[in-house]
């Protein structure tokens, strides 16, 4: 019996991946953003308030408003259902 059960062990990561996409969505990384620079655009230490963020992932580009003036490097997006 155990010999046959081992043949189906590959289903665990496949079902885990499906469950992750079903519950959380697909992973996306930030590729661009817009921000208020307070007149010092090229200073990496200047205080910035981000306006919007563009993420790239499996489902393409997603442009969303920044949350509390910040863009996270990684974000999950669910597919839009119509």
N, C-alpha and C. Protein backbone atom coordinates (compact mmCIF):
# COMPACT_ATOMS: atom_id res chain seq x y z
N UNK A 1 0.83 -1.20 0.00
CA UNK A 1 0.00 0.00 0.00
C UNK A 1 0.86 1.26 0.00
N UNK A 2 1.92 1.28 0.83
CA UNK A 2 2.77 2.46 0.92
C UNK A 2 3.53 2.70 -0.39
N UNK A 3 3.84 1.65 -1.13
CA UNK A 3 4.52 1.82 -2.41
C UNK A 3 3.67 2.64 -3.37
N UNK A 4 2.39 2.44 -3.35
CA UNK A 4 1.50 3.16 -4.26
C UNK A 4 1.25 4.58 -3.79
N UNK A 5 1.23 4.81 -2.50
CA UNK A 5 1.00 6.14 -1.97
C UNK A 5 2.15 7.09 -2.33
N UNK A 6 3.37 6.59 -2.40
CA UNK A 6 4.54 7.40 -2.75
C UNK A 6 4.43 7.93 -4.17
N UNK A 7 3.74 7.21 -5.05
CA UNK A 7 3.59 7.66 -6.43
C UNK A 7 2.78 8.96 -6.53
N UNK A 8 1.98 9.26 -5.53
CA UNK A 8 1.13 10.45 -5.57
C UNK A 8 1.67 11.60 -4.72
N UNK A 9 2.89 11.49 -4.23
CA UNK A 9 3.47 12.53 -3.38
C UNK A 9 3.65 13.85 -4.15
N UNK A 10 3.76 13.77 -5.47
CA UNK A 10 3.92 14.97 -6.28
C UNK A 10 2.67 15.86 -6.24
N UNK A 11 1.55 15.30 -5.83
CA UNK A 11 0.33 16.08 -5.75
C UNK A 11 0.36 17.11 -4.62
N UNK A 12 1.16 16.89 -3.59
CA UNK A 12 1.20 17.80 -2.44
C UNK A 12 1.66 19.20 -2.86
N UNK A 13 2.80 19.38 -3.56
CA UNK A 13 3.17 20.75 -3.95
C UNK A 13 2.24 21.34 -5.00
N UNK A 14 1.70 20.50 -5.88
CA UNK A 14 0.78 21.02 -6.90
C UNK A 14 -0.49 21.55 -6.24
N UNK A 15 -1.07 20.80 -5.34
CA UNK A 15 -2.27 21.25 -4.64
C UNK A 15 -1.97 22.44 -3.72
N UNK A 16 -0.78 22.46 -3.13
CA UNK A 16 -0.37 23.59 -2.31
C UNK A 16 -0.26 24.87 -3.13
N UNK A 17 0.30 24.77 -4.33
CA UNK A 17 0.39 25.93 -5.22
C UNK A 17 -0.99 26.40 -5.66
N UNK A 18 -1.86 25.46 -5.99
CA UNK A 18 -3.22 25.83 -6.38
C UNK A 18 -3.95 26.52 -5.23
N UNK A 19 -3.82 25.99 -4.01
CA UNK A 19 -4.49 26.58 -2.85
C UNK A 19 -3.96 27.99 -2.57
N UNK A 20 -2.66 28.19 -2.72
CA UNK A 20 -2.07 29.52 -2.50
C UNK A 20 -2.63 30.53 -3.48
N UNK A 21 -2.69 30.16 -4.76
CA UNK A 21 -3.23 31.07 -5.77
C UNK A 21 -4.73 31.30 -5.54
N UNK A 22 -5.45 30.28 -5.13
CA UNK A 22 -6.88 30.41 -4.91
C UNK A 22 -7.19 31.33 -3.73
N UNK A 23 -6.42 31.24 -2.65
CA UNK A 23 -6.71 32.03 -1.45
C UNK A 23 -6.05 33.40 -1.44
N UNK A 24 -4.81 33.50 -1.92
CA UNK A 24 -4.06 34.75 -1.84
C UNK A 24 -3.95 35.49 -3.17
N UNK A 25 -4.00 34.80 -4.28
CA UNK A 25 -3.80 35.40 -5.59
C UNK A 25 -2.42 35.05 -6.12
N UNK A 26 -1.97 35.81 -7.11
CA UNK A 26 -0.65 35.55 -7.70
C UNK A 26 0.37 36.57 -7.19
N UNK A 27 1.64 36.17 -7.07
CA UNK A 27 2.66 37.09 -6.56
C UNK A 27 3.09 38.11 -7.62
N UNK A 28 3.36 39.33 -7.17
CA UNK A 28 3.81 40.42 -8.04
C UNK A 28 4.93 41.20 -7.35
N UNK A 29 5.87 41.71 -8.15
CA UNK A 29 6.96 42.54 -7.65
C UNK A 29 6.80 43.96 -8.20
N UNK A 30 7.18 44.95 -7.40
CA UNK A 30 7.07 46.34 -7.84
C UNK A 30 8.12 46.61 -8.92
N UNK A 31 7.70 47.27 -10.00
CA UNK A 31 8.63 47.61 -11.08
C UNK A 31 8.76 49.11 -11.26
N UNK A 32 7.75 49.90 -10.85
CA UNK A 32 7.86 51.35 -10.92
C UNK A 32 6.88 51.98 -9.93
N UNK A 33 7.11 53.27 -9.67
CA UNK A 33 6.26 54.00 -8.74
C UNK A 33 6.41 55.48 -9.00
N UNK A 34 5.41 56.26 -8.55
CA UNK A 34 5.46 57.73 -8.60
C UNK A 34 5.40 58.24 -7.17
N UNK A 35 6.12 59.35 -6.93
CA UNK A 35 6.15 59.88 -5.57
C UNK A 35 6.33 61.39 -5.59
N UNK A 36 5.96 62.03 -4.48
CA UNK A 36 6.27 63.44 -4.24
C UNK A 36 7.67 63.48 -3.65
N UNK A 37 8.56 64.27 -4.25
CA UNK A 37 9.97 64.22 -3.85
C UNK A 37 10.42 65.41 -3.01
N UNK A 38 9.56 66.36 -2.73
CA UNK A 38 9.91 67.54 -1.93
C UNK A 38 11.09 68.31 -2.52
N UNK A 39 11.23 68.31 -3.86
CA UNK A 39 12.26 69.09 -4.53
C UNK A 39 13.64 68.46 -4.57
N UNK A 40 13.81 67.25 -4.09
CA UNK A 40 15.13 66.60 -4.07
C UNK A 40 15.00 65.19 -4.66
N UNK A 41 14.66 65.12 -5.94
CA UNK A 41 14.31 63.86 -6.60
C UNK A 41 15.41 62.81 -6.58
N UNK A 42 16.66 63.20 -6.76
CA UNK A 42 17.74 62.23 -6.90
C UNK A 42 18.45 61.88 -5.59
N UNK A 43 17.97 62.39 -4.49
CA UNK A 43 18.54 62.07 -3.19
C UNK A 43 17.81 60.84 -2.63
N UNK A 44 18.51 59.69 -2.48
CA UNK A 44 17.83 58.49 -1.98
C UNK A 44 17.40 58.60 -0.51
N UNK A 45 17.91 59.56 0.22
CA UNK A 45 17.56 59.70 1.63
C UNK A 45 16.45 60.74 1.87
N UNK A 46 15.98 61.39 0.79
CA UNK A 46 14.92 62.39 0.94
C UNK A 46 13.61 61.72 1.32
N UNK A 47 12.79 62.42 2.08
CA UNK A 47 11.48 61.89 2.46
C UNK A 47 10.57 61.88 1.24
N UNK A 48 9.93 60.73 1.01
CA UNK A 48 9.06 60.58 -0.16
C UNK A 48 7.70 60.10 0.26
N UNK A 49 6.70 60.60 -0.43
CA UNK A 49 5.33 60.13 -0.24
C UNK A 49 4.89 59.55 -1.58
N UNK A 50 4.74 58.23 -1.64
CA UNK A 50 4.42 57.55 -2.89
C UNK A 50 2.95 57.76 -3.25
N UNK A 51 2.70 57.94 -4.55
CA UNK A 51 1.35 58.18 -5.06
C UNK A 51 0.74 56.88 -5.59
N UNK A 52 1.46 56.21 -6.49
CA UNK A 52 0.97 54.94 -7.00
C UNK A 52 2.13 54.00 -7.28
N UNK A 53 1.81 52.71 -7.36
CA UNK A 53 2.81 51.66 -7.53
C UNK A 53 2.37 50.76 -8.69
N UNK A 54 3.34 50.31 -9.49
CA UNK A 54 3.06 49.39 -10.58
C UNK A 54 3.78 48.08 -10.29
N UNK A 55 3.03 46.98 -10.30
CA UNK A 55 3.56 45.65 -10.00
C UNK A 55 3.49 44.78 -11.23
N UNK A 56 4.47 43.89 -11.39
CA UNK A 56 4.51 42.93 -12.50
C UNK A 56 4.46 41.53 -11.93
N UNK A 57 3.59 40.71 -12.50
CA UNK A 57 3.45 39.33 -12.04
C UNK A 57 2.91 38.45 -13.14
N UNK A 58 2.43 37.28 -12.75
CA UNK A 58 1.93 36.30 -13.71
C UNK A 58 0.76 36.82 -14.52
N UNK A 59 -0.07 37.66 -13.92
CA UNK A 59 -1.26 38.16 -14.61
C UNK A 59 -1.01 39.48 -15.31
N UNK A 60 0.23 39.94 -15.38
CA UNK A 60 0.58 41.17 -16.06
C UNK A 60 0.83 42.32 -15.09
N UNK A 61 0.72 43.53 -15.61
CA UNK A 61 0.95 44.73 -14.80
C UNK A 61 -0.30 45.10 -14.01
N UNK A 62 -0.09 45.51 -12.77
CA UNK A 62 -1.16 45.98 -11.90
C UNK A 62 -0.74 47.34 -11.35
N UNK A 63 -1.49 48.39 -11.69
CA UNK A 63 -1.18 49.73 -11.17
C UNK A 63 -2.22 50.06 -10.11
N UNK A 64 -1.73 50.33 -8.89
CA UNK A 64 -2.63 50.58 -7.76
C UNK A 64 -2.14 51.81 -6.99
N UNK A 65 -3.05 52.46 -6.27
CA UNK A 65 -2.62 53.57 -5.41
C UNK A 65 -1.76 53.04 -4.25
N UNK A 66 -0.83 53.86 -3.80
CA UNK A 66 0.04 53.47 -2.69
C UNK A 66 -0.77 53.38 -1.40
N UNK A 67 -0.38 52.46 -0.54
CA UNK A 67 -1.03 52.31 0.77
C UNK A 67 -0.28 53.16 1.80
N UNK A 68 -0.96 54.13 2.37
CA UNK A 68 -0.39 55.01 3.38
C UNK A 68 0.91 55.67 2.91
N UNK A 69 1.01 55.97 1.62
CA UNK A 69 2.18 56.65 1.08
C UNK A 69 3.39 55.76 0.89
N UNK A 70 3.21 54.43 0.89
CA UNK A 70 4.34 53.49 0.74
C UNK A 70 4.00 52.43 -0.30
N UNK A 71 5.05 51.92 -0.95
CA UNK A 71 4.93 50.79 -1.89
C UNK A 71 5.73 49.62 -1.33
N UNK A 72 5.09 48.48 -1.19
CA UNK A 72 5.83 47.30 -0.75
C UNK A 72 6.52 46.67 -1.96
N UNK A 73 7.59 45.94 -1.72
CA UNK A 73 8.34 45.31 -2.81
C UNK A 73 7.59 44.13 -3.42
N UNK A 74 6.77 43.48 -2.63
CA UNK A 74 6.10 42.25 -3.04
C UNK A 74 4.63 42.33 -2.62
N UNK A 75 3.73 41.90 -3.50
CA UNK A 75 2.31 41.96 -3.17
C UNK A 75 1.55 40.86 -3.91
N UNK A 76 0.48 40.39 -3.29
CA UNK A 76 -0.38 39.37 -3.90
C UNK A 76 -1.60 40.05 -4.52
N UNK A 77 -2.00 39.62 -5.72
CA UNK A 77 -3.20 40.12 -6.39
C UNK A 77 -4.07 38.96 -6.81
N UNK A 78 -5.36 39.06 -6.47
CA UNK A 78 -6.31 38.07 -6.93
C UNK A 78 -6.81 38.45 -8.31
N UNK A 79 -7.16 37.44 -9.11
CA UNK A 79 -7.70 37.69 -10.44
C UNK A 79 -9.08 38.31 -10.31
N UNK A 80 -9.36 39.25 -11.20
CA UNK A 80 -10.67 39.90 -11.18
C UNK A 80 -11.69 38.95 -11.79
N UNK A 81 -12.80 38.77 -11.10
CA UNK A 81 -13.88 37.94 -11.63
C UNK A 81 -14.98 38.85 -12.14
N UNK A 82 -15.52 38.50 -13.27
CA UNK A 82 -16.55 39.35 -13.88
C UNK A 82 -17.85 38.60 -13.96
